[in-house]
Amino acid sequence: MSFIPLGGIIIIQFKEFTIADKPVLDDYFHQKRYEQADATFMNLFAWQYPYEIQWAEEDNVLYIRSGRGKQQFWLPPFSRRDGGFVAGLDRMKEWFDAHNYPLLMKGVTVPVVERLQKLCPDCYVVTPDRDNYEYVYLTQDLINLSGKKFRQKKNNLNHFRNQYMGYEYVPVTPEIFEECLAADARWMENRMDREIVGEDGDEMQGERLAIETIFNNWDALGATGGAIRIFNKIAAFSIGEMLNDDTAIIHFEKSDPAIRGLYQAINHEFIVHAWSHTTYINREEDMGLPGLRQSKESYNPDHYVEKFSVTLAK
């Protein structure tokens, strides 16, 4: 690990993620039971270029930042059992002070907020970041779709099964990567044609790059995927991984929106085939998009991974 002196202080030098870094970051993320997508190597590695994410390590503390200059933010430091969360905070403050940037932490979960307030009740301004709350569901709820609250989901799923009786669910393997990317391209064209507010072309291109990054490193990342084929063409696919001992996380889900019930079908089939042994399914955040929020709420989450933005009090 290298450092850059700045104003008499040894400043942490960040770097890009490589596949070789996976065991190091996994070790940090396995120290505790983290529930958030930020605590997975796959997510950080896949999105590092679209979101300018980098990492550094010092004295058993992991630092992750996103963005550039005064617009950048850091995740709260991840510490090993023998590392120091408090020391990590101090080093973080030194870095921001040395660069004359305002300190900003995002992706701050409730346990970290509680720890910050216990350390120094008047030092931090904590603001809920509702657009980045992550949705966590009971696996059996998503499999069984029982009761009135899931009636519409089950109706859509049954409609799809009746209309497309010959559909096929297949695991995602290298043999169908190109077919999945072709399905994603069709999805992107549809979204661009409709000019969806709040999700521009750059965002979608960034997501495309993230999916390609995962496909290019599929085995090394330990990714799991499922797809639905209709009339010999991939119409939907989903990609996820285990997040912790009892939770799977869905990083990407793509589906032809013109086919009623297809979203319900890929969601249901993927969980039944890949994640039935889990207790929870994390389907990540809604990014403040009204349609996505409505969709995620309609699946009746068991709870949220609440996230906050944290700045220093003046």
C-alpha atoms as a PDB file:
ATOM      1  CA  MET A   1       0.000   0.000   0.000  1.00  0.00           C
ATOM      2  CA  SER A   2       1.408   3.400  -0.934  1.00  0.00           C
ATOM      3  CA  PHE A   3       0.677   6.812   0.558  1.00  0.00           C
ATOM      4  CA  ILE A   4       1.095  10.412  -0.552  1.00  0.00           C
ATOM      5  CA  PRO A   5       2.383  13.087   1.885  1.00  0.00           C
ATOM      6  CA  LEU A   6       0.180  16.192   1.921  1.00  0.00           C
ATOM      7  CA  GLY A   7       0.734  19.026   4.379  1.00  0.00           C
ATOM      8  CA  GLY A   8       2.832  16.844   6.646  1.00  0.00           C
ATOM      9  CA  ILE A   9       0.161  14.107   6.772  1.00  0.00           C
ATOM     10  CA  ILE A  10       0.557  10.728   5.098  1.00  0.00           C
ATOM     11  CA  ILE A  11      -2.528  10.575   2.891  1.00  0.00           C
ATOM     12  CA  ILE A  12      -4.136   7.307   1.869  1.00  0.00           C
ATOM     13  CA  GLN A  13      -3.675   6.460  -1.804  1.00  0.00           C
ATOM     14  CA  PHE A  14      -6.685   4.780  -3.408  1.00  0.00           C
ATOM     15  CA  LYS A  15      -6.656   2.285  -6.252  1.00  0.00           C
ATOM     16  CA  GLU A  16      -8.944   0.413  -8.635  1.00  0.00           C
ATOM     17  CA  PHE A  17     -10.397  -3.010  -7.861  1.00  0.00           C
ATOM     18  CA  THR A  18      -8.953  -6.108  -9.480  1.00  0.00           C
ATOM     19  CA  ILE A  19     -10.117  -9.698  -9.208  1.00  0.00           C
ATOM     20  CA  ALA A  20      -6.988 -10.420  -7.184  1.00  0.00           C
ATOM     21  CA  ASP A  21      -8.339  -8.075  -4.490  1.00  0.00           C
ATOM     22  CA  LYS A  22     -11.470 -10.164  -3.881  1.00  0.00           C
ATOM     23  CA  PRO A  23     -10.116 -12.274  -0.962  1.00  0.00           C
ATOM     24  CA  VAL A  24      -8.982  -9.127   0.865  1.00  0.00           C
ATOM     25  CA  LEU A  25     -12.331  -7.376   0.633  1.00  0.00           C
ATOM     26  CA  ASP A  26     -14.292 -10.569   1.286  1.00  0.00           C
ATOM     27  CA  ASP A  27     -12.385 -10.968   4.524  1.00  0.00           C
ATOM     28  CA  TYR A  28     -13.529  -7.523   5.684  1.00  0.00           C
ATOM     29  CA  PHE A  29     -17.120  -8.138   4.634  1.00  0.00           C
ATOM     30  CA  HIS A  30     -17.235 -11.462   6.453  1.00  0.00           C
ATOM     31  CA  GLN A  31     -16.146  -9.979   9.788  1.00  0.00           C
ATOM     32  CA  LYS A  32     -19.736  -8.993  10.589  1.00  0.00           C
ATOM     33  CA  ARG A  33     -23.219  -9.682   9.265  1.00  0.00           C
ATOM     34  CA  TYR A  34     -23.645  -6.881   6.764  1.00  0.00           C
ATOM     35  CA  GLU A  35     -27.021  -6.502   5.037  1.00  0.00           C
ATOM     36  CA  GLN A  36     -26.206  -3.837   2.442  1.00  0.00           C
ATOM     37  CA  ALA A  37     -25.143  -4.155  -1.196  1.00  0.00           C
ATOM     38  CA  ASP A  38     -22.118  -1.945  -0.505  1.00  0.00           C
ATOM     39  CA  ALA A  39     -20.591  -4.831   1.446  1.00  0.00           C
ATOM     40  CA  THR A  40     -20.126  -7.135  -1.546  1.00  0.00           C
ATOM     41  CA  PHE A  41     -17.039  -7.265  -3.728  1.00  0.00           C
ATOM     42  CA  MET A  42     -19.089  -8.094  -6.811  1.00  0.00           C
ATOM     43  CA  ASN A  43     -21.150  -4.924  -6.543  1.00  0.00           C
ATOM     44  CA  LEU A  44     -18.134  -2.654  -6.016  1.00  0.00           C
ATOM     45  CA  PHE A  45     -16.066  -4.338  -8.712  1.00  0.00           C
ATOM     46  CA  ALA A  46     -18.859  -4.211 -11.300  1.00  0.00           C
ATOM     47  CA  TRP A  47     -19.754  -0.559 -10.701  1.00  0.00           C
ATOM     48  CA  GLN A  48     -16.246   0.838 -10.136  1.00  0.00           C
ATOM     49  CA  TYR A  49     -15.974   2.617 -13.499  1.00  0.00           C
ATOM     50  CA  PRO A  50     -19.520   4.000 -13.853  1.00  0.00           C
ATOM     51  CA  TYR A  51     -19.440   5.331 -10.268  1.00  0.00           C
ATOM     52  CA  GLU A  52     -15.675   5.916  -9.953  1.00  0.00           C
ATOM     53  CA  ILE A  53     -15.318   3.629  -6.938  1.00  0.00           C
ATOM     54  CA  GLN A  54     -11.880   2.964  -5.453  1.00  0.00           C
ATOM     55  CA  TRP A  55     -10.502   1.339  -2.339  1.00  0.00           C
ATOM     56  CA  ALA A  56      -7.599   1.494   0.085  1.00  0.00           C
ATOM     57  CA  GLU A  57      -6.431  -0.444   3.125  1.00  0.00           C
ATOM     58  CA  GLU A  58      -4.414   0.683   6.134  1.00  0.00           C
ATOM     59  CA  ASP A  59      -3.874  -0.816   9.588  1.00  0.00           C
ATOM     60  CA  ASN A  60      -6.689  -3.366   9.250  1.00  0.00           C
ATOM     61  CA  VAL A  61      -9.191  -0.765   8.044  1.00  0.00           C
ATOM     62  CA  LEU A  62     -10.828  -0.790   4.599  1.00  0.00           C
ATOM     63  CA  TYR A  63     -11.750   2.516   2.955  1.00  0.00           C
ATOM     64  CA  ILE A  64     -14.064   2.842  -0.066  1.00  0.00           C
ATOM     65  CA  ARG A  65     -14.848   6.055  -1.889  1.00  0.00           C
ATOM     66  CA  SER A  66     -16.941   7.051  -4.904  1.00  0.00           C
ATOM     67  CA  GLY A  67     -16.833  10.087  -7.167  1.00  0.00           C
ATOM     68  CA  ARG A  68     -14.217  12.771  -7.511  1.00  0.00           C
ATOM     69  CA  GLY A  69     -13.211  16.024  -5.842  1.00  0.00           C
ATOM     70  CA  LYS A  70     -15.657  17.855  -3.623  1.00  0.00           C
ATOM     71  CA  GLN A  71     -18.511  15.726  -4.965  1.00  0.00           C
ATOM     72  CA  GLN A  72     -17.081  12.469  -3.671  1.00  0.00           C
ATOM     73  CA  PHE A  73     -18.288  10.491  -0.687  1.00  0.00           C
ATOM     74  CA  TRP A  74     -16.902   7.625   1.340  1.00  0.00           C
ATOM     75  CA  LEU A  75     -18.561   4.620   2.878  1.00  0.00           C
ATOM     76  CA  PRO A  76     -18.017   4.249   6.623  1.00  0.00           C
ATOM     77  CA  PRO A  77     -14.717   2.461   7.270  1.00  0.00           C
ATOM     78  CA  PHE A  78     -14.843  -1.331   7.503  1.00  0.00           C
ATOM     79  CA  SER A  79     -12.619  -2.656  10.258  1.00  0.00           C
ATOM     80  CA  ARG A  80     -11.393  -6.127  11.062  1.00  0.00           C
ATOM     81  CA  ARG A  81     -11.905  -7.479  14.559  1.00  0.00           C
ATOM     82  CA  ASP A  82      -8.403  -6.337  15.379  1.00  0.00           C
ATOM     83  CA  GLY A  83      -8.774  -3.077  13.492  1.00  0.00           C
ATOM     84  CA  GLY A  84     -10.084   0.268  14.643  1.00  0.00           C
ATOM     85  CA  PHE A  85     -13.304   1.865  13.438  1.00  0.00           C
ATOM     86  CA  VAL A  86     -12.558   5.029  15.416  1.00  0.00           C
ATOM     87  CA  ALA A  87      -9.038   5.250  14.021  1.00  0.00           C
ATOM     88  CA  GLY A  88     -10.539   4.825  10.568  1.00  0.00           C
ATOM     89  CA  LEU A  89     -12.878   7.768  11.126  1.00  0.00           C
ATOM     90  CA  ASP A  90      -9.952   9.913  12.211  1.00  0.00           C
ATOM     91  CA  ARG A  91      -7.944   8.995   9.116  1.00  0.00           C
ATOM     92  CA  MET A  92     -10.959   9.746   6.964  1.00  0.00           C
ATOM     93  CA  LYS A  93     -11.322  13.212   8.497  1.00  0.00           C
ATOM     94  CA  GLU A  94      -7.606  13.842   7.952  1.00  0.00           C
ATOM     95  CA  TRP A  95      -7.972  12.981   4.289  1.00  0.00           C
ATOM     96  CA  PHE A  96     -10.901  15.340   3.727  1.00  0.00           C
ATOM     97  CA  ASP A  97      -9.230  18.124   5.725  1.00  0.00           C
ATOM     98  CA  ALA A  98      -5.968  17.769   3.825  1.00  0.00           C
ATOM     99  CA  HIS A  99      -7.823  18.103   0.516  1.00  0.00           C
ATOM    100  CA  ASN A 100     -10.112  20.854   1.808  1.00  0.00           C
ATOM    101  CA  TYR A 101     -13.181  18.809   0.897  1.00  0.00           C
ATOM    102  CA  PRO A 102     -16.324  18.613   3.043  1.00  0.00           C
ATOM    103  CA  LEU A 103     -16.585  15.213   4.723  1.00  0.00           C
ATOM    104  CA  LEU A 104     -19.468  13.159   3.386  1.00  0.00           C
ATOM    105  CA  MET A 105     -20.275   9.565   4.235  1.00  0.00           C
ATOM    106  CA  LYS A 106     -23.063   7.734   2.424  1.00  0.00           C
ATOM    107  CA  GLY A 107     -24.432   4.233   2.765  1.00  0.00           C
ATOM    108  CA  VAL A 108     -24.331   4.659   6.542  1.00  0.00           C
ATOM    109  CA  THR A 109     -26.515   2.002   8.154  1.00  0.00           C
ATOM    110  CA  VAL A 110     -28.360   2.178  11.467  1.00  0.00           C
ATOM    111  CA  PRO A 111     -25.686   0.340  13.520  1.00  0.00           C
ATOM    112  CA  VAL A 112     -23.041   2.792  12.286  1.00  0.00           C
ATOM    113  CA  VAL A 113     -25.278   5.795  12.993  1.00  0.00           C
ATOM    114  CA  GLU A 114     -25.811   4.541  16.535  1.00  0.00           C
ATOM    115  CA  ARG A 115     -22.095   4.082  16.989  1.00  0.00           C
ATOM    116  CA  LEU A 116     -21.327   7.566  15.667  1.00  0.00           C
ATOM    117  CA  GLN A 117     -23.886   9.163  17.982  1.00  0.00           C
ATOM    118  CA  LYS A 118     -22.500   7.247  20.929  1.00  0.00           C
ATOM    119  CA  LEU A 119     -18.945   8.317  20.115  1.00  0.00           C
ATOM    120  CA  CYS A 120     -19.832  11.988  19.738  1.00  0.00           C
ATOM    121  CA  PRO A 121     -23.520  13.004  19.921  1.00  0.00           C
ATOM    122  CA  ASP A 122     -22.969  16.538  18.598  1.00  0.00           C
ATOM    123  CA  CYS A 123     -20.313  15.891  15.959  1.00  0.00           C
ATOM    124  CA  TYR A 124     -22.415  14.643  13.055  1.00  0.00           C
ATOM    125  CA  VAL A 125     -25.441  15.616  10.991  1.00  0.00           C
ATOM    126  CA  VAL A 126     -27.351  12.478   9.993  1.00  0.00           C
ATOM    127  CA  THR A 127     -29.841  12.664   7.105  1.00  0.00           C
ATOM    128  CA  PRO A 128     -32.024   9.744   5.921  1.00  0.00           C
ATOM    129  CA  ASP A 129     -31.262   8.735   2.321  1.00  0.00           C
ATOM    130  CA  ARG A 130     -34.625   7.181   1.439  1.00  0.00           C
ATOM    131  CA  ASP A 131     -33.810   6.720  -2.248  1.00  0.00           C
ATOM    132  CA  ASN A 132     -31.072   4.272  -1.253  1.00  0.00           C
ATOM    133  CA  TYR A 133     -32.945   2.215   1.328  1.00  0.00           C
ATOM    134  CA  GLU A 134     -32.606  -1.430   0.334  1.00  0.00           C
ATOM    135  CA  TYR A 135     -35.643  -3.730   0.232  1.00  0.00           C
ATOM    136  CA  VAL A 136     -35.371  -7.046   2.078  1.00  0.00           C
ATOM    137  CA  TYR A 137     -38.033  -9.737   1.672  1.00  0.00           C
ATOM    138  CA  LEU A 138     -38.764 -13.080   3.268  1.00  0.00           C
ATOM    139  CA  THR A 139     -37.742 -15.736   0.766  1.00  0.00           C
ATOM    140  CA  GLN A 140     -40.813 -17.863   1.436  1.00  0.00           C
ATOM    141  CA  ASP A 141     -43.089 -14.871   0.810  1.00  0.00           C
ATOM    142  CA  LEU A 142     -41.610 -14.457  -2.664  1.00  0.00           C
ATOM    143  CA  ILE A 143     -41.875 -18.187  -3.353  1.00  0.00           C
ATOM    144  CA  ASN A 144     -45.397 -18.807  -2.047  1.00  0.00           C
ATOM    145  CA  LEU A 145     -47.051 -15.480  -2.958  1.00  0.00           C
ATOM    146  CA  SER A 146     -49.745 -16.345  -0.444  1.00  0.00           C
ATOM    147  CA  GLY A 147     -52.623 -14.198   0.695  1.00  0.00           C
ATOM    148  CA  LYS A 148     -54.394 -11.077  -0.438  1.00  0.00           C
ATOM    149  CA  LYS A 149     -51.303  -8.873  -0.402  1.00  0.00           C
ATOM    150  CA  PHE A 150     -49.726 -10.983  -3.172  1.00  0.00           C
ATOM    151  CA  ARG A 151     -52.900 -11.615  -5.181  1.00  0.00           C
ATOM    152  CA  GLN A 152     -51.977  -9.350  -8.099  1.00  0.00           C
ATOM    153  CA  LYS A 153     -48.458 -10.803  -8.305  1.00  0.00           C
ATOM    154  CA  LYS A 154     -49.848 -14.311  -8.407  1.00  0.00           C
ATOM    155  CA  ASN A 155     -52.441 -13.339 -11.016  1.00  0.00           C
ATOM    156  CA  ASN A 156     -49.723 -11.887 -13.258  1.00  0.00           C
ATOM    157  CA  LEU A 157     -47.535 -14.947 -12.779  1.00  0.00           C
ATOM    158  CA  ASN A 158     -50.414 -17.316 -13.627  1.00  0.00           C
ATOM    159  CA  HIS A 159     -51.299 -15.222 -16.665  1.00  0.00           C
ATOM    160  CA  PHE A 160     -47.735 -15.524 -17.932  1.00  0.00           C
ATOM    161  CA  ARG A 161     -47.663 -19.277 -17.368  1.00  0.00           C
ATOM    162  CA  ASN A 162     -50.961 -19.741 -19.186  1.00  0.00           C
ATOM    163  CA  GLN A 163     -49.933 -17.564 -22.138  1.00  0.00           C
ATOM    164  CA  TYR A 164     -46.430 -18.979 -22.490  1.00  0.00           C
ATOM    165  CA  MET A 165     -46.790 -22.599 -21.491  1.00  0.00           C
ATOM    166  CA  GLY A 166     -43.640 -23.549 -23.363  1.00  0.00           C
ATOM    167  CA  TYR A 167     -41.356 -21.097 -21.611  1.00  0.00           C
ATOM    168  CA  GLU A 168     -38.097 -22.435 -20.188  1.00  0.00           C
ATOM    169  CA  TYR A 169     -36.120 -21.420 -17.118  1.00  0.00           C
ATOM    170  CA  VAL A 170     -32.356 -21.910 -17.506  1.00  0.00           C
ATOM    171  CA  PRO A 171     -29.386 -21.035 -15.299  1.00  0.00           C
ATOM    172  CA  VAL A 172     -27.132 -18.290 -16.632  1.00  0.00           C
ATOM    173  CA  THR A 173     -23.923 -19.809 -17.966  1.00  0.00           C
ATOM    174  CA  PRO A 174     -21.220 -18.478 -20.319  1.00  0.00           C
ATOM    175  CA  GLU A 175     -23.037 -20.138 -23.209  1.00  0.00           C
ATOM    176  CA  ILE A 176     -25.923 -17.656 -22.955  1.00  0.00           C
ATOM    177  CA  PHE A 177     -24.069 -14.456 -21.982  1.00  0.00           C
ATOM    178  CA  GLU A 178     -24.464 -13.003 -25.480  1.00  0.00           C
ATOM    179  CA  GLU A 179     -28.173 -13.831 -25.511  1.00  0.00           C
ATOM    180  CA  CYS A 180     -28.603 -12.064 -22.175  1.00  0.00           C
ATOM    181  CA  LEU A 181     -26.747  -8.999 -23.454  1.00  0.00           C
ATOM    182  CA  ALA A 182     -28.996  -8.980 -26.523  1.00  0.00           C
ATOM    183  CA  ALA A 183     -32.027  -9.045 -24.224  1.00  0.00           C
ATOM    184  CA  ASP A 184     -30.523  -6.164 -22.251  1.00  0.00           C
ATOM    185  CA  ALA A 185     -29.994  -4.191 -25.462  1.00  0.00           C
ATOM    186  CA  ARG A 186     -33.677  -4.609 -26.344  1.00  0.00           C
ATOM    187  CA  TRP A 187     -34.610  -3.467 -22.852  1.00  0.00           C
ATOM    188  CA  MET A 188     -32.392  -0.377 -23.189  1.00  0.00           C
ATOM    189  CA  GLU A 189     -33.925   0.525 -26.543  1.00  0.00           C
ATOM    190  CA  ASN A 190     -37.394   0.293 -25.043  1.00  0.00           C
ATOM    191  CA  ARG A 191     -36.453   2.527 -22.101  1.00  0.00           C
ATOM    192  CA  MET A 192     -34.799   5.125 -24.316  1.00  0.00           C
ATOM    193  CA  ASP A 193     -37.810   5.217 -26.636  1.00  0.00           C
ATOM    194  CA  ARG A 194     -40.067   5.920 -23.656  1.00  0.00           C
ATOM    195  CA  GLU A 195     -37.660   8.581 -22.290  1.00  0.00           C
ATOM    196  CA  ILE A 196     -37.976   7.428 -18.702  1.00  0.00           C
ATOM    197  CA  VAL A 197     -37.474  10.403 -16.382  1.00  0.00           C
ATOM    198  CA  GLY A 198     -34.719   9.983 -13.820  1.00  0.00           C
ATOM    199  CA  GLU A 199     -32.772   7.314 -15.669  1.00  0.00           C
ATOM    200  CA  ASP A 200     -30.737   8.728 -18.549  1.00  0.00           C
ATOM    201  CA  GLY A 201     -28.642   7.055 -21.188  1.00  0.00           C
ATOM    202  CA  ASP A 202     -25.416   7.398 -19.190  1.00  0.00           C
ATOM    203  CA  GLU A 203     -26.935   5.539 -16.257  1.00  0.00           C
ATOM    204  CA  MET A 204     -28.121   2.720 -18.479  1.00  0.00           C
ATOM    205  CA  GLN A 205     -24.778   2.511 -20.248  1.00  0.00           C
ATOM    206  CA  GLY A 206     -23.117   2.288 -16.831  1.00  0.00           C
ATOM    207  CA  GLU A 207     -25.402  -0.571 -15.882  1.00  0.00           C
ATOM    208  CA  ARG A 208     -24.608  -2.308 -19.165  1.00  0.00           C
ATOM    209  CA  LEU A 209     -20.884  -2.006 -18.402  1.00  0.00           C
ATOM    210  CA  ALA A 210     -21.443  -3.420 -14.910  1.00  0.00           C
ATOM    211  CA  ILE A 211     -23.274  -6.467 -16.310  1.00  0.00           C
ATOM    212  CA  GLU A 212     -20.541  -7.051 -18.892  1.00  0.00           C
ATOM    213  CA  THR A 213     -17.922  -6.818 -16.144  1.00  0.00           C
ATOM    214  CA  ILE A 214     -19.691  -9.543 -14.188  1.00  0.00           C
ATOM    215  CA  PHE A 215     -20.045 -11.760 -17.254  1.00  0.00           C
ATOM    216  CA  ASN A 216     -16.340 -11.326 -18.029  1.00  0.00           C
ATOM    217  CA  ASN A 217     -15.428 -12.451 -14.495  1.00  0.00           C
ATOM    218  CA  TRP A 218     -18.309 -14.821 -13.807  1.00  0.00           C
ATOM    219  CA  ASP A 219     -16.575 -17.741 -12.133  1.00  0.00           C
ATOM    220  CA  ALA A 220     -14.051 -15.637 -10.221  1.00  0.00           C
ATOM    221  CA  LEU A 221     -16.875 -13.524  -8.767  1.00  0.00           C
ATOM    222  CA  GLY A 222     -18.970 -16.530  -7.791  1.00  0.00           C
ATOM    223  CA  ALA A 223     -22.018 -15.102  -9.552  1.00  0.00           C
ATOM    224  CA  THR A 224     -25.330 -16.932  -9.909  1.00  0.00           C
ATOM    225  CA  GLY A 225     -27.920 -16.191 -12.565  1.00  0.00           C
ATOM    226  CA  GLY A 226     -31.183 -17.376 -14.044  1.00  0.00           C
ATOM    227  CA  ALA A 227     -32.979 -16.642 -17.305  1.00  0.00           C
ATOM    228  CA  ILE A 228     -36.295 -17.267 -19.030  1.00  0.00           C
ATOM    229  CA  ARG A 229     -36.406 -18.288 -22.650  1.00  0.00           C
ATOM    230  CA  ILE A 230     -39.552 -17.737 -24.748  1.00  0.00           C
ATOM    231  CA  PHE A 231     -39.781 -18.910 -28.358  1.00  0.00           C
ATOM    232  CA  ASN A 232     -36.063 -19.718 -28.308  1.00  0.00           C
ATOM    233  CA  LYS A 233     -35.088 -16.214 -27.200  1.00  0.00           C
ATOM    234  CA  ILE A 234     -33.933 -14.961 -23.772  1.00  0.00           C
ATOM    235  CA  ALA A 235     -36.640 -12.572 -22.583  1.00  0.00           C
ATOM    236  CA  ALA A 236     -35.536 -12.041 -18.965  1.00  0.00           C
ATOM    237  CA  PHE A 237     -32.545 -12.699 -16.756  1.00  0.00           C
ATOM    238  CA  SER A 238     -31.393 -12.052 -13.207  1.00  0.00           C
ATOM    239  CA  ILE A 239     -27.991 -12.005 -11.474  1.00  0.00           C
ATOM    240  CA  GLY A 240     -27.245 -12.356  -7.774  1.00  0.00           C
ATOM    241  CA  GLU A 241     -25.051 -13.833  -5.066  1.00  0.00           C
ATOM    242  CA  MET A 242     -25.078 -14.726  -1.384  1.00  0.00           C
ATOM    243  CA  LEU A 243     -24.749 -11.580   0.722  1.00  0.00           C
ATOM    244  CA  ASN A 244     -24.372 -13.207   4.129  1.00  0.00           C
ATOM    245  CA  ASP A 245     -25.174 -16.550   5.750  1.00  0.00           C
ATOM    246  CA  ASP A 246     -28.949 -16.286   5.300  1.00  0.00           C
ATOM    247  CA  THR A 247     -29.483 -13.622   2.633  1.00  0.00           C
ATOM    248  CA  ALA A 248     -29.187 -13.606  -1.151  1.00  0.00           C
ATOM    249  CA  ILE A 249     -28.934 -10.319  -3.011  1.00  0.00           C
ATOM    250  CA  ILE A 250     -30.264  -9.627  -6.507  1.00  0.00           C
ATOM    251  CA  HIS A 251     -27.947  -7.206  -8.309  1.00  0.00           C
ATOM    252  CA  PHE A 252     -29.631  -7.130 -11.720  1.00  0.00           C
ATOM    253  CA  GLU A 253     -33.008  -8.140 -13.090  1.00  0.00           C
ATOM    254  CA  LYS A 254     -33.956  -7.477 -16.697  1.00  0.00           C
ATOM    255  CA  SER A 255     -37.233  -8.349 -18.376  1.00  0.00           C
ATOM    256  CA  ASP A 256     -39.294  -7.468 -21.425  1.00  0.00           C
ATOM    257  CA  PRO A 257     -41.880  -5.050 -19.934  1.00  0.00           C
ATOM    258  CA  ALA A 258     -44.315  -5.727 -22.768  1.00  0.00           C
ATOM    259  CA  ILE A 259     -44.911  -9.276 -21.560  1.00  0.00           C
ATOM    260  CA  ARG A 260     -47.365  -9.348 -18.680  1.00  0.00           C
ATOM    261  CA  GLY A 261     -46.149 -11.413 -15.766  1.00  0.00           C
ATOM    262  CA  LEU A 262     -42.589 -11.841 -17.023  1.00  0.00           C
ATOM    263  CA  TYR A 263     -41.081  -9.790 -14.198  1.00  0.00           C
ATOM    264  CA  GLN A 264     -42.998 -11.900 -11.710  1.00  0.00           C
ATOM    265  CA  ALA A 265     -41.874 -15.055 -13.490  1.00  0.00           C
ATOM    266  CA  ILE A 266     -38.122 -14.308 -13.491  1.00  0.00           C
ATOM    267  CA  ASN A 267     -38.291 -13.147  -9.887  1.00  0.00           C
ATOM    268  CA  HIS A 268     -40.142 -16.282  -8.814  1.00  0.00           C
ATOM    269  CA  GLU A 269     -38.199 -18.812 -10.872  1.00  0.00           C
ATOM    270  CA  PHE A 270     -34.788 -17.426  -9.903  1.00  0.00           C
ATOM    271  CA  ILE A 271     -35.592 -17.530  -6.202  1.00  0.00           C
ATOM    272  CA  VAL A 272     -37.138 -21.009  -6.381  1.00  0.00           C
ATOM    273  CA  HIS A 273     -34.204 -22.490  -8.300  1.00  0.00           C
ATOM    274  CA  ALA A 274     -31.279 -20.615  -6.738  1.00  0.00           C
ATOM    275  CA  TRP A 275     -32.236 -19.181  -3.356  1.00  0.00           C
ATOM    276  CA  SER A 276     -34.924 -21.354  -1.753  1.00  0.00           C
ATOM    277  CA  HIS A 277     -32.479 -22.262   1.034  1.00  0.00           C
ATOM    278  CA  THR A 278     -32.172 -18.646   2.189  1.00  0.00           C
ATOM    279  CA  THR A 279     -34.217 -16.702   4.741  1.00  0.00           C
ATOM    280  CA  TYR A 280     -34.094 -13.307   3.058  1.00  0.00           C
ATOM    281  CA  ILE A 281     -33.777 -11.759  -0.395  1.00  0.00           C
ATOM    282  CA  ASN A 282     -32.284  -8.271  -0.732  1.00  0.00           C
ATOM    283  CA  ARG A 283     -33.504  -6.591  -3.924  1.00  0.00           C
ATOM    284  CA  GLU A 284     -31.495  -3.390  -3.406  1.00  0.00           C
ATOM    285  CA  GLU A 285     -32.720   0.202  -3.635  1.00  0.00           C
ATOM    286  CA  ASP A 286     -35.259   2.012  -5.826  1.00  0.00           C
ATOM    287  CA  MET A 287     -32.989   5.031  -6.596  1.00  0.00           C
ATOM    288  CA  GLY A 288     -35.942   7.344  -6.051  1.00  0.00           C
ATOM    289  CA  LEU A 289     -37.638   6.224  -9.269  1.00  0.00           C
ATOM    290  CA  PRO A 290     -41.421   6.247  -8.652  1.00  0.00           C
ATOM    291  CA  GLY A 291     -42.188   3.205 -10.788  1.00  0.00           C
ATOM    292  CA  LEU A 292     -39.386   1.156  -9.275  1.00  0.00           C
ATOM    293  CA  ARG A 293     -40.413   2.174  -5.766  1.00  0.00           C
ATOM    294  CA  GLN A 294     -44.001   1.149  -6.404  1.00  0.00           C
ATOM    295  CA  SER A 295     -42.833  -2.195  -7.771  1.00  0.00           C
ATOM    296  CA  LYS A 296     -40.553  -2.946  -4.830  1.00  0.00           C
ATOM    297  CA  GLU A 297     -43.162  -1.860  -2.282  1.00  0.00           C
ATOM    298  CA  SER A 298     -45.773  -4.049  -3.960  1.00  0.00           C
ATOM    299  CA  TYR A 299     -43.772  -7.147  -3.016  1.00  0.00           C
ATOM    300  CA  ASN A 300     -44.313  -6.308   0.682  1.00  0.00           C
ATOM    301  CA  PRO A 301     -40.781  -6.086   2.083  1.00  0.00           C
ATOM    302  CA  ASP A 302     -40.101  -7.624   5.478  1.00  0.00           C
ATOM    303  CA  HIS A 303     -37.810  -4.710   6.339  1.00  0.00           C
ATOM    304  CA  TYR A 304     -35.472  -2.117   4.860  1.00  0.00           C
ATOM    305  CA  VAL A 305     -31.754  -1.637   5.116  1.00  0.00           C
ATOM    306  CA  GLU A 306     -32.009   2.021   6.073  1.00  0.00           C
ATOM    307  CA  LYS A 307     -29.172   4.235   4.871  1.00  0.00           C
ATOM    308  CA  PHE A 308     -28.122   7.712   5.858  1.00  0.00           C
ATOM    309  CA  SER A 309     -25.830  10.481   4.694  1.00  0.00           C
ATOM    310  CA  VAL A 310     -23.491  11.835   7.362  1.00  0.00           C
ATOM    311  CA  THR A 311     -21.632  15.157   7.427  1.00  0.00           C
ATOM    312  CA  LEU A 312     -19.741  16.965  10.167  1.00  0.00           C
ATOM    313  CA  ALA A 313     -21.707  19.392  12.319  1.00  0.00           C
ATOM    314  CA  LYS A 314     -20.547  23.001  11.981  1.00  0.00           C
END
